[in-house]
Amino acid sequence: MSEDNLKKAAKIKPKAQEIDGVKVPEVADVEPDAVVAPAEPTETREPTREREPRSQSRRRPSAPRRDAAPSEFVEKVITIKRVTKVTKGNKRLNFSALVVVGDGKGRVGYGLEKAGEVALAIKKSLTAAKKRLVRISLKGTTIPHEIIGTCGAASVLLKPAAEGTGVIAAGPVRAVCDGAGIRNILTKCHKSNNPINVVKATFDGLNRLKAVSNIPTTGKEDNATPSVTGS
């Protein structure tokens, strides 16, 4: 071929064919070492949705809380002690709780139970105290008469008081009086201050109280003699 024909052949562009909308050059016009990469299909993406915050999207609607019904009993924890039981292999550690429960209307009880945890010991003591409720005799907001309760070496003096006096008592005795509904009383602990014995002595005295109708009235007898007039 002449030089003019070679120049014209170089200027000729290879014809392209369309296959499925993609232009592919003819095989005869492609050099043997050349590789034609297929065109990437265009994907249609959906518009992305805005994600809600993770804390709100996965949070379930919380059920309305039910307020605990107010208890009709007055519950007071007097003492919590750590006790140990020594066995052959090791030492077992427990907690004991002394609790007083009352309705404030003349019914009161106490419980002393042990458990491996403080909360469980208190719960067991409250359950035991509610099963041991006793009714005591009252005269208004005080007790009918004076009495002394004893338990072991402890003795507790319980004395009625006038309206407005209040509860003059130590911790364990005050808890028992508040649970029973006593608002005016004078008390005194003798010999021992052990909370367990003091509580038991207080219950001993309250259980032996007599009803107001059974208390004998001691009135002064009229022993005056008529005067004799001499003539």
Protein backbone atom coordinates (compact mmCIF):
# COMPACT_ATOMS: atom_id res chain seq x y z
CA MET A 1 0.00 0.00 0.00
CA SER A 2 1.08 3.47 -0.63
CA GLU A 3 1.63 5.99 2.12
CA ASP A 4 -1.59 7.84 1.23
CA ASN A 5 -3.68 4.69 1.65
CA LEU A 6 -2.05 3.95 4.99
CA LYS A 7 -2.90 7.43 6.28
CA LYS A 8 -6.53 7.07 5.16
CA ALA A 9 -6.80 3.67 6.89
CA ALA A 10 -5.46 5.11 10.15
CA LYS A 11 -8.06 7.89 10.10
CA ILE A 12 -10.95 5.46 9.70
CA LYS A 13 -12.61 4.85 13.11
CA PRO A 14 -13.89 1.36 13.90
CA LYS A 15 -17.59 0.92 13.66
CA ALA A 16 -19.37 0.35 16.95
CA GLN A 17 -22.35 -1.92 17.52
CA GLU A 18 -25.01 -1.51 20.13
CA ILE A 19 -25.88 -4.59 22.19
CA ASP A 20 -28.55 -4.11 24.88
CA GLY A 21 -27.89 -0.42 24.86
CA VAL A 22 -24.10 -0.86 25.33
CA LYS A 23 -21.77 0.21 22.51
CA VAL A 24 -19.23 -2.54 21.65
CA PRO A 25 -16.58 -2.06 18.89
CA GLU A 26 -16.33 -4.65 16.14
CA VAL A 27 -14.05 -7.59 16.75
CA ALA A 28 -12.12 -7.02 13.50
CA ASP A 29 -11.28 -3.47 14.51
CA VAL A 30 -10.02 -4.42 18.00
CA GLU A 31 -6.38 -5.17 18.51
CA PRO A 32 -5.70 -8.77 19.62
CA ASP A 33 -4.12 -7.78 22.94
CA ALA A 34 -6.83 -5.25 23.87
CA VAL A 35 -9.52 -6.24 26.42
CA VAL A 36 -12.89 -4.57 26.38
CA ALA A 37 -14.38 -4.13 29.86
CA PRO A 38 -18.15 -4.49 29.99
CA ALA A 39 -20.00 -1.41 31.06
CA GLU A 40 -21.30 -1.47 34.61
CA PRO A 41 -25.08 -1.59 34.81
CA THR A 42 -26.57 1.43 36.43
CA GLU A 43 -28.48 0.65 39.64
CA THR A 44 -31.50 2.58 40.75
CA ARG A 45 -31.24 3.21 44.48
CA GLU A 46 -34.22 4.01 46.60
CA PRO A 47 -34.08 7.18 48.62
CA THR A 48 -32.59 6.47 52.05
CA ARG A 49 -34.90 6.79 55.03
CA GLU A 50 -33.89 8.84 57.97
CA ARG A 51 -33.15 6.52 60.86
CA GLU A 52 -34.59 7.28 64.22
CA PRO A 53 -32.24 7.47 67.17
CA ARG A 54 -31.36 4.01 68.46
CA SER A 55 -32.62 4.70 71.94
CA GLN A 56 -36.05 5.72 70.66
CA SER A 57 -36.48 3.16 67.87
CA ARG A 58 -35.83 0.13 70.11
CA ARG A 59 -37.45 1.42 73.25
CA ARG A 60 -40.69 -0.32 74.06
CA PRO A 61 -43.54 1.71 75.47
CA SER A 62 -43.27 1.36 79.21
CA ALA A 63 -46.32 0.20 81.09
CA PRO A 64 -47.78 2.63 83.62
CA ARG A 65 -46.30 2.10 87.05
CA ARG A 66 -48.59 0.91 89.77
CA ASP A 67 -48.09 2.76 92.99
CA ALA A 68 -47.71 0.41 95.94
CA ALA A 69 -50.76 0.43 98.16
CA PRO A 70 -50.01 2.10 101.49
CA SER A 71 -49.64 -0.45 104.25
CA GLU A 72 -52.05 -0.36 107.16
CA PHE A 73 -49.29 -1.32 109.57
CA VAL A 74 -46.57 0.76 111.20
CA GLU A 75 -43.29 -1.08 110.54
CA LYS A 76 -40.12 -0.20 112.45
CA VAL A 77 -36.72 -1.87 112.37
CA ILE A 78 -35.10 -1.73 115.81
CA THR A 79 -31.77 -3.51 115.38
CA ILE A 80 -29.82 -5.39 112.71
CA LYS A 81 -26.93 -7.56 113.87
CA ARG A 82 -24.42 -9.81 112.15
CA VAL A 83 -24.38 -13.30 113.64
CA THR A 84 -22.00 -16.19 112.92
CA LYS A 85 -22.61 -19.90 113.27
CA VAL A 86 -19.43 -21.92 113.64
CA THR A 87 -19.66 -25.37 112.06
CA LYS A 88 -17.13 -28.17 111.60
CA GLY A 89 -16.02 -26.97 108.19
CA ASN A 90 -16.41 -23.20 108.24
CA LYS A 91 -18.28 -20.22 109.63
CA ARG A 92 -21.76 -19.33 108.37
CA LEU A 93 -22.43 -15.58 108.33
CA ASN A 94 -26.03 -14.39 108.71
CA PHE A 95 -27.93 -11.24 109.71
CA SER A 96 -30.64 -10.98 112.36
CA ALA A 97 -33.32 -8.29 112.32
CA LEU A 98 -35.60 -7.21 115.18
CA VAL A 99 -38.78 -5.60 113.84
CA VAL A 100 -41.96 -4.23 115.45
CA VAL A 101 -45.25 -4.06 113.54
CA GLY A 102 -48.53 -2.49 114.66
CA ASP A 103 -51.73 -1.01 113.26
CA GLY A 104 -51.79 1.97 115.66
CA LYS A 105 -55.15 0.82 117.06
CA GLY A 106 -54.15 -1.51 119.86
CA ARG A 107 -52.59 -4.39 117.89
CA VAL A 108 -48.83 -4.86 117.92
CA GLY A 109 -46.29 -7.65 117.41
CA TYR A 110 -42.56 -8.22 117.03
CA GLY A 111 -40.40 -10.54 114.94
CA LEU A 112 -36.79 -11.72 115.22
CA GLU A 113 -35.53 -13.71 112.23
CA LYS A 114 -32.21 -14.46 110.53
CA ALA A 115 -31.16 -14.69 106.86
CA GLY A 116 -28.11 -14.47 104.64
CA GLU A 117 -28.98 -10.92 103.50
CA VAL A 118 -30.23 -7.89 105.40
CA ALA A 119 -33.24 -7.29 103.15
CA LEU A 120 -34.33 -10.91 103.40
CA ALA A 121 -33.92 -10.91 107.18
CA ILE A 122 -36.13 -7.81 107.50
CA LYS A 123 -38.75 -9.34 105.22
CA LYS A 124 -38.86 -12.56 107.23
CA SER A 125 -39.10 -10.61 110.50
CA LEU A 126 -42.00 -8.50 109.19
CA THR A 127 -43.88 -11.63 108.12
CA ALA A 128 -43.32 -13.25 111.51
CA ALA A 129 -44.37 -10.10 113.38
CA LYS A 130 -47.66 -9.87 111.47
CA LYS A 131 -48.46 -13.44 112.54
CA ARG A 132 -47.85 -12.63 116.23
CA LEU A 133 -50.05 -9.57 116.61
CA VAL A 134 -51.59 -9.21 120.06
CA ARG A 135 -54.28 -6.83 121.23
CA ILE A 136 -53.61 -4.68 124.27
CA SER A 137 -55.97 -2.69 126.46
CA LEU A 138 -55.90 1.08 126.02
CA LYS A 139 -57.55 3.98 127.77
CA GLY A 140 -57.78 6.67 125.15
CA THR A 141 -54.21 7.44 124.08
CA THR A 142 -52.54 5.92 127.16
CA ILE A 143 -52.62 2.71 129.20
CA PRO A 144 -55.20 1.99 131.91
CA HIS A 145 -52.81 1.57 134.86
CA GLU A 146 -49.18 1.29 135.92
CA ILE A 147 -47.37 -1.99 135.37
CA ILE A 148 -43.85 -3.48 135.26
CA GLY A 149 -42.85 -5.97 132.56
CA THR A 150 -39.86 -8.27 132.93
CA CYS A 151 -37.78 -10.52 130.69
CA GLY A 152 -34.55 -12.01 131.96
CA ALA A 153 -32.61 -9.26 133.72
CA ALA A 154 -34.52 -6.45 131.95
CA SER A 155 -37.52 -4.75 133.53
CA VAL A 156 -39.59 -1.93 132.04
CA LEU A 157 -41.85 0.38 134.02
CA LEU A 158 -44.95 1.56 132.11
CA LYS A 159 -46.94 4.38 133.63
CA PRO A 160 -49.99 6.21 132.23
CA ALA A 161 -49.62 9.90 131.45
CA ALA A 162 -51.93 12.86 130.87
CA GLU A 163 -52.88 14.16 127.44
CA GLY A 164 -50.06 16.11 125.79
CA THR A 165 -47.25 14.34 127.63
CA GLY A 166 -46.06 12.34 124.62
CA VAL A 167 -44.07 9.12 124.57
CA ILE A 168 -41.25 9.33 127.10
CA ALA A 169 -39.35 6.18 126.21
CA ALA A 170 -36.16 4.77 124.76
CA GLY A 171 -35.83 3.41 121.21
CA PRO A 172 -37.20 -0.15 121.56
CA VAL A 173 -40.01 0.85 123.94
CA ARG A 174 -40.94 3.84 121.76
CA ALA A 175 -41.23 1.60 118.69
CA VAL A 176 -43.63 -0.71 120.54
CA CYS A 177 -45.72 2.20 121.82
CA ASP A 178 -45.96 3.80 118.38
CA GLY A 179 -47.03 0.51 116.83
CA ALA A 180 -49.70 -0.01 119.48
CA GLY A 181 -51.10 3.52 119.12
CA ILE A 182 -50.01 4.80 122.56
CA ARG A 183 -49.43 8.56 122.41
CA ASN A 184 -48.98 9.46 126.08
CA ILE A 185 -46.93 7.28 128.43
CA LEU A 186 -44.03 7.38 130.87
CA THR A 187 -41.51 4.51 130.79
CA LYS A 188 -38.22 3.54 132.39
CA CYS A 189 -35.85 0.65 131.63
CA HIS A 190 -34.04 -0.98 134.55
CA LYS A 191 -31.04 -3.32 134.87
CA SER A 192 -30.57 -4.17 131.17
CA ASN A 193 -30.59 -2.26 127.90
CA ASN A 194 -30.54 -5.30 125.61
CA PRO A 195 -33.00 -4.39 122.80
CA ILE A 196 -34.39 -7.93 122.51
CA ASN A 197 -35.04 -8.31 126.24
CA VAL A 198 -36.40 -4.76 126.49
CA VAL A 199 -38.92 -5.43 123.71
CA LYS A 200 -39.97 -8.71 125.30
CA ALA A 201 -40.31 -7.04 128.70
CA THR A 202 -42.47 -4.30 127.17
CA PHE A 203 -44.73 -6.89 125.59
CA ASP A 204 -44.92 -8.75 128.88
CA GLY A 205 -46.19 -5.63 130.61
CA LEU A 206 -48.63 -4.67 127.84
CA ASN A 207 -50.09 -8.19 127.68
CA ARG A 208 -50.90 -8.12 131.40
CA LEU A 209 -52.79 -4.84 131.23
CA LYS A 210 -56.36 -5.05 132.45
CA ALA A 211 -59.31 -3.53 130.67
CA VAL A 212 -60.71 -0.30 132.06
CA SER A 213 -63.96 -2.02 133.08
CA ASN A 214 -62.07 -4.64 135.13
CA ILE A 215 -60.03 -2.16 137.15
CA PRO A 216 -61.49 -1.80 140.67
CA THR A 217 -62.16 1.75 141.71
CA THR A 218 -60.71 2.62 145.13
CA GLY A 219 -62.83 5.44 146.52
CA LYS A 220 -62.52 7.01 149.92
CA GLU A 221 -65.14 5.62 152.25
CA ASP A 222 -67.17 8.11 154.18
CA ASN A 223 -66.21 7.31 157.76
CA ALA A 224 -67.45 10.60 159.18
CA THR A 225 -69.45 10.16 162.38
CA PRO A 226 -72.35 12.44 163.30
CA SER A 227 -71.46 15.03 165.85
CA VAL A 228 -73.05 14.61 169.28
CA THR A 229 -74.42 17.72 170.86
CA GLY A 230 -74.48 17.71 174.61
CA SER A 231 -77.12 19.52 176.55
